[in-house]
N, C-alpha and C. Protein backbone atom coordinates (compact mmCIF):
# COMPACT_ATOMS: atom_id res chain seq x y z
N UNK A 1 15.71 -17.72 -33.90
CA UNK A 1 15.15 -19.04 -33.95
C UNK A 1 16.27 -20.07 -33.80
N UNK A 2 16.04 -21.08 -32.98
CA UNK A 2 17.03 -22.12 -32.75
C UNK A 2 16.99 -23.15 -33.86
N UNK A 3 18.13 -23.47 -34.41
CA UNK A 3 18.24 -24.52 -35.41
C UNK A 3 18.37 -25.86 -34.70
N UNK A 4 17.97 -26.93 -35.35
CA UNK A 4 18.07 -28.26 -34.76
C UNK A 4 19.51 -28.57 -34.32
N UNK A 5 20.50 -28.11 -35.07
CA UNK A 5 21.89 -28.37 -34.72
C UNK A 5 22.32 -27.65 -33.46
N UNK A 6 21.62 -26.57 -33.09
CA UNK A 6 21.95 -25.79 -31.90
C UNK A 6 21.31 -26.33 -30.64
N UNK A 7 20.37 -27.24 -30.77
CA UNK A 7 19.66 -27.76 -29.61
C UNK A 7 20.56 -28.72 -28.83
N UNK A 8 20.55 -28.64 -27.50
CA UNK A 8 21.41 -29.52 -26.71
C UNK A 8 20.93 -30.97 -26.76
N UNK A 9 21.87 -31.89 -26.87
CA UNK A 9 21.54 -33.31 -26.87
C UNK A 9 21.22 -33.78 -25.46
N UNK A 10 20.40 -34.81 -25.40
CA UNK A 10 20.18 -35.53 -24.15
C UNK A 10 21.39 -36.46 -24.02
N UNK A 11 22.37 -36.03 -23.25
CA UNK A 11 23.65 -36.73 -23.14
C UNK A 11 23.49 -38.10 -22.48
N UNK A 12 22.58 -38.18 -21.53
CA UNK A 12 22.37 -39.43 -20.80
C UNK A 12 20.95 -39.46 -20.29
N UNK A 13 20.30 -40.61 -20.41
CA UNK A 13 18.97 -40.80 -19.83
C UNK A 13 19.00 -42.11 -19.06
N UNK A 14 18.84 -42.03 -17.75
CA UNK A 14 18.89 -43.22 -16.90
C UNK A 14 17.50 -43.80 -16.63
N UNK A 15 16.49 -43.32 -17.34
CA UNK A 15 15.12 -43.80 -17.15
C UNK A 15 14.88 -44.98 -18.09
N UNK A 16 15.29 -46.16 -17.64
CA UNK A 16 15.21 -47.35 -18.48
C UNK A 16 13.80 -47.73 -18.87
N UNK A 17 12.80 -47.30 -18.11
CA UNK A 17 11.41 -47.66 -18.41
C UNK A 17 10.81 -46.83 -19.54
N UNK A 18 11.50 -45.78 -19.98
CA UNK A 18 10.98 -44.95 -21.07
C UNK A 18 11.16 -45.67 -22.40
N UNK A 19 10.14 -45.66 -23.22
CA UNK A 19 10.20 -46.34 -24.51
C UNK A 19 11.17 -45.70 -25.49
N UNK A 20 11.55 -44.45 -25.26
CA UNK A 20 12.53 -43.78 -26.12
C UNK A 20 13.98 -44.08 -25.70
N UNK A 21 14.16 -44.76 -24.57
CA UNK A 21 15.49 -45.01 -24.03
C UNK A 21 16.02 -46.35 -24.52
N UNK A 22 17.23 -46.34 -25.05
CA UNK A 22 17.93 -47.57 -25.42
C UNK A 22 19.37 -47.43 -24.94
N UNK A 23 19.73 -48.23 -23.94
CA UNK A 23 21.08 -48.22 -23.38
C UNK A 23 21.51 -46.83 -22.91
N UNK A 24 20.62 -46.16 -22.20
CA UNK A 24 20.84 -44.83 -21.61
C UNK A 24 20.99 -43.73 -22.66
N UNK A 25 20.48 -43.98 -23.85
CA UNK A 25 20.48 -42.97 -24.90
C UNK A 25 19.04 -42.66 -25.28
N UNK A 26 18.69 -41.38 -25.28
CA UNK A 26 17.34 -40.95 -25.65
C UNK A 26 17.24 -40.94 -27.17
N UNK A 27 16.15 -41.51 -27.69
CA UNK A 27 15.94 -41.55 -29.13
C UNK A 27 14.66 -40.83 -29.55
N UNK A 28 14.12 -39.99 -28.67
CA UNK A 28 12.99 -39.15 -29.06
C UNK A 28 13.50 -38.09 -30.03
N UNK A 29 12.67 -37.64 -30.93
CA UNK A 29 13.08 -36.58 -31.85
C UNK A 29 13.53 -35.36 -31.08
N UNK A 30 12.72 -34.95 -30.10
CA UNK A 30 13.04 -33.82 -29.24
C UNK A 30 12.19 -33.95 -27.98
N UNK A 31 12.76 -33.64 -26.84
CA UNK A 31 12.01 -33.69 -25.59
C UNK A 31 11.55 -32.29 -25.20
N UNK A 32 10.50 -32.26 -24.38
CA UNK A 32 10.02 -31.01 -23.80
C UNK A 32 10.17 -31.13 -22.29
N UNK A 33 10.75 -30.12 -21.68
CA UNK A 33 10.93 -30.09 -20.23
C UNK A 33 9.97 -29.06 -19.65
N UNK A 34 9.26 -29.44 -18.57
CA UNK A 34 8.32 -28.51 -17.94
C UNK A 34 7.79 -29.07 -16.65
N UNK A 35 6.73 -28.49 -16.14
CA UNK A 35 6.11 -28.96 -14.92
C UNK A 35 6.83 -28.50 -13.67
N UNK A 36 6.32 -28.93 -12.52
CA UNK A 36 6.84 -28.50 -11.22
C UNK A 36 8.26 -28.96 -10.94
N UNK A 37 8.69 -30.05 -11.54
CA UNK A 37 10.00 -30.62 -11.22
C UNK A 37 10.90 -30.75 -12.44
N UNK A 38 10.75 -29.87 -13.42
CA UNK A 38 11.54 -29.96 -14.66
C UNK A 38 11.40 -31.35 -15.27
N UNK A 39 10.16 -31.82 -15.31
CA UNK A 39 9.82 -33.16 -15.80
C UNK A 39 10.04 -33.27 -17.30
N UNK A 40 10.50 -34.42 -17.75
CA UNK A 40 10.60 -34.70 -19.18
C UNK A 40 9.19 -35.06 -19.66
N UNK A 41 8.56 -34.15 -20.36
CA UNK A 41 7.20 -34.35 -20.84
C UNK A 41 7.08 -35.35 -21.97
N UNK A 42 8.20 -35.82 -22.48
CA UNK A 42 8.20 -36.79 -23.58
C UNK A 42 8.25 -38.22 -23.05
N UNK A 43 8.54 -38.39 -21.76
CA UNK A 43 8.60 -39.72 -21.13
C UNK A 43 7.32 -40.49 -21.40
N UNK A 44 7.47 -41.71 -21.87
CA UNK A 44 6.32 -42.59 -22.08
C UNK A 44 6.76 -44.02 -21.77
N UNK A 45 5.92 -44.71 -21.04
CA UNK A 45 6.22 -46.09 -20.65
C UNK A 45 5.20 -47.00 -21.32
N UNK A 46 5.59 -47.58 -22.45
CA UNK A 46 4.72 -48.52 -23.17
C UNK A 46 5.51 -49.79 -23.45
N UNK A 47 4.88 -50.77 -24.05
CA UNK A 47 5.47 -52.10 -24.17
C UNK A 47 6.46 -52.28 -25.31
N UNK A 48 6.78 -51.23 -26.05
CA UNK A 48 7.74 -51.37 -27.15
C UNK A 48 8.66 -50.16 -27.21
N UNK A 49 9.78 -50.31 -27.87
CA UNK A 49 10.75 -49.23 -28.03
C UNK A 49 10.31 -48.32 -29.17
N UNK A 50 10.61 -47.04 -29.03
CA UNK A 50 10.18 -46.06 -30.02
C UNK A 50 11.32 -45.10 -30.31
N UNK A 51 11.11 -44.24 -31.29
CA UNK A 51 12.06 -43.17 -31.54
C UNK A 51 12.86 -43.32 -32.82
N UNK A 52 13.84 -42.43 -32.93
CA UNK A 52 14.69 -42.35 -34.11
C UNK A 52 16.04 -43.00 -33.85
N UNK A 53 16.85 -43.14 -34.88
CA UNK A 53 18.18 -43.73 -34.71
C UNK A 53 19.18 -42.75 -34.11
N UNK A 54 18.90 -41.46 -34.16
CA UNK A 54 19.82 -40.47 -33.62
C UNK A 54 19.49 -40.17 -32.15
N UNK A 55 20.40 -39.48 -31.48
CA UNK A 55 20.21 -39.09 -30.09
C UNK A 55 19.26 -37.90 -30.00
N UNK A 56 18.35 -37.95 -29.03
CA UNK A 56 17.36 -36.89 -28.85
C UNK A 56 17.97 -35.57 -28.40
N UNK A 57 17.23 -34.50 -28.62
CA UNK A 57 17.63 -33.16 -28.22
C UNK A 57 16.53 -32.53 -27.38
N UNK A 58 16.82 -31.38 -26.76
CA UNK A 58 15.81 -30.64 -26.02
C UNK A 58 15.14 -29.69 -27.00
N UNK A 59 13.86 -29.92 -27.27
CA UNK A 59 13.13 -29.08 -28.21
C UNK A 59 12.59 -27.83 -27.57
N UNK A 60 12.12 -27.93 -26.33
CA UNK A 60 11.56 -26.77 -25.62
C UNK A 60 11.73 -26.99 -24.12
N UNK A 61 11.90 -25.88 -23.41
CA UNK A 61 11.97 -25.93 -21.96
C UNK A 61 11.03 -24.86 -21.41
N UNK A 62 10.02 -25.30 -20.67
CA UNK A 62 9.03 -24.38 -20.11
C UNK A 62 9.45 -23.83 -18.75
N UNK A 63 10.63 -24.21 -18.26
CA UNK A 63 11.11 -23.75 -16.96
C UNK A 63 11.95 -22.49 -17.15
N UNK A 64 11.27 -21.36 -17.31
CA UNK A 64 11.94 -20.08 -17.62
C UNK A 64 12.90 -19.61 -16.53
N UNK A 65 12.77 -20.14 -15.31
CA UNK A 65 13.65 -19.73 -14.21
C UNK A 65 14.95 -20.54 -14.17
N UNK A 66 15.15 -21.45 -15.11
CA UNK A 66 16.39 -22.23 -15.16
C UNK A 66 17.53 -21.37 -15.71
N UNK A 67 18.71 -21.55 -15.17
CA UNK A 67 19.87 -20.77 -15.61
C UNK A 67 20.22 -21.04 -17.08
N UNK A 68 19.80 -22.17 -17.60
CA UNK A 68 20.10 -22.54 -18.99
C UNK A 68 19.01 -22.09 -19.96
N UNK A 69 17.92 -21.51 -19.45
CA UNK A 69 16.78 -21.16 -20.28
C UNK A 69 16.91 -19.75 -20.83
N UNK A 70 16.71 -19.63 -22.13
CA UNK A 70 16.69 -18.33 -22.79
C UNK A 70 15.53 -18.34 -23.77
N UNK A 71 14.50 -17.56 -23.47
CA UNK A 71 13.31 -17.48 -24.33
C UNK A 71 12.68 -18.86 -24.54
N UNK A 72 12.62 -19.65 -23.46
CA UNK A 72 12.03 -20.99 -23.44
C UNK A 72 12.79 -22.00 -24.29
N UNK A 73 14.05 -21.71 -24.57
CA UNK A 73 14.95 -22.63 -25.26
C UNK A 73 16.08 -22.99 -24.30
N UNK A 74 16.50 -24.24 -24.32
CA UNK A 74 17.60 -24.68 -23.47
C UNK A 74 18.93 -24.31 -24.12
N UNK A 75 19.81 -23.69 -23.35
CA UNK A 75 21.12 -23.29 -23.84
C UNK A 75 22.26 -24.07 -23.15
N UNK A 76 21.92 -25.12 -22.42
CA UNK A 76 22.96 -25.97 -21.83
C UNK A 76 23.72 -26.66 -22.96
N UNK A 77 24.94 -27.05 -22.71
CA UNK A 77 25.71 -27.74 -23.74
C UNK A 77 25.15 -29.13 -24.00
N UNK A 78 24.58 -29.76 -22.97
CA UNK A 78 23.92 -31.06 -23.06
C UNK A 78 23.11 -31.22 -21.78
N UNK A 79 22.17 -32.14 -21.76
CA UNK A 79 21.36 -32.37 -20.56
C UNK A 79 21.39 -33.84 -20.18
N UNK A 80 21.07 -34.09 -18.91
CA UNK A 80 20.90 -35.44 -18.41
C UNK A 80 19.48 -35.57 -17.88
N UNK A 81 18.88 -36.71 -18.15
CA UNK A 81 17.53 -36.99 -17.68
C UNK A 81 17.60 -38.21 -16.77
N UNK A 82 16.89 -38.14 -15.65
CA UNK A 82 16.87 -39.25 -14.71
C UNK A 82 15.78 -39.08 -13.69
N UNK A 83 15.73 -39.99 -12.76
CA UNK A 83 14.71 -39.97 -11.72
C UNK A 83 15.10 -39.00 -10.62
N UNK A 84 14.18 -38.09 -10.29
CA UNK A 84 14.36 -37.16 -9.16
C UNK A 84 13.00 -37.08 -8.47
N UNK A 85 12.30 -35.97 -8.60
CA UNK A 85 10.96 -35.84 -8.01
C UNK A 85 9.94 -36.68 -8.78
N UNK A 86 10.15 -36.82 -10.08
CA UNK A 86 9.29 -37.64 -10.94
C UNK A 86 10.14 -38.76 -11.54
N UNK A 87 9.51 -39.63 -12.30
CA UNK A 87 10.23 -40.74 -12.93
C UNK A 87 11.28 -40.26 -13.91
N UNK A 88 11.00 -39.14 -14.59
CA UNK A 88 11.92 -38.62 -15.61
C UNK A 88 12.01 -37.10 -15.49
N UNK A 89 13.09 -36.62 -14.92
CA UNK A 89 13.30 -35.18 -14.74
C UNK A 89 14.59 -34.75 -15.44
N UNK A 90 14.65 -33.48 -15.80
CA UNK A 90 15.88 -32.90 -16.33
C UNK A 90 16.81 -32.66 -15.15
N UNK A 91 17.88 -33.43 -15.07
CA UNK A 91 18.82 -33.31 -13.95
C UNK A 91 19.78 -32.15 -14.15
N UNK A 92 19.77 -31.54 -15.32
CA UNK A 92 20.61 -30.39 -15.61
C UNK A 92 19.95 -29.09 -15.15
N UNK A 93 18.65 -29.14 -14.89
CA UNK A 93 17.90 -27.97 -14.42
C UNK A 93 18.56 -27.37 -13.19
N UNK A 94 18.68 -26.05 -13.19
CA UNK A 94 19.21 -25.33 -12.03
C UNK A 94 18.53 -23.97 -11.96
N UNK A 95 17.87 -23.69 -10.84
CA UNK A 95 17.16 -22.41 -10.69
C UNK A 95 18.14 -21.26 -10.66
N UNK A 96 17.72 -20.12 -11.21
CA UNK A 96 18.56 -18.91 -11.19
C UNK A 96 18.74 -18.42 -9.77
């Protein structure tokens, strides 16, 4: 079982429209990565800022074919989130 301290931080998030983003820092408790384009499933665009005071981590990754994925947990040292195929994708994703 992965401990919260072992989860990789979202090192940078360039999706300024996400309510969890403040100055390129993710403040969601934990993000989930999945979908066709390694999409950040936690991305939300609403009229106010949300989240915690600490930097967000990757809670789950549904992209089992990623080189960083082990038993649906991300094992990258840190991840970057930004615009690619969708508004908010895991830019650290890399297919095996």
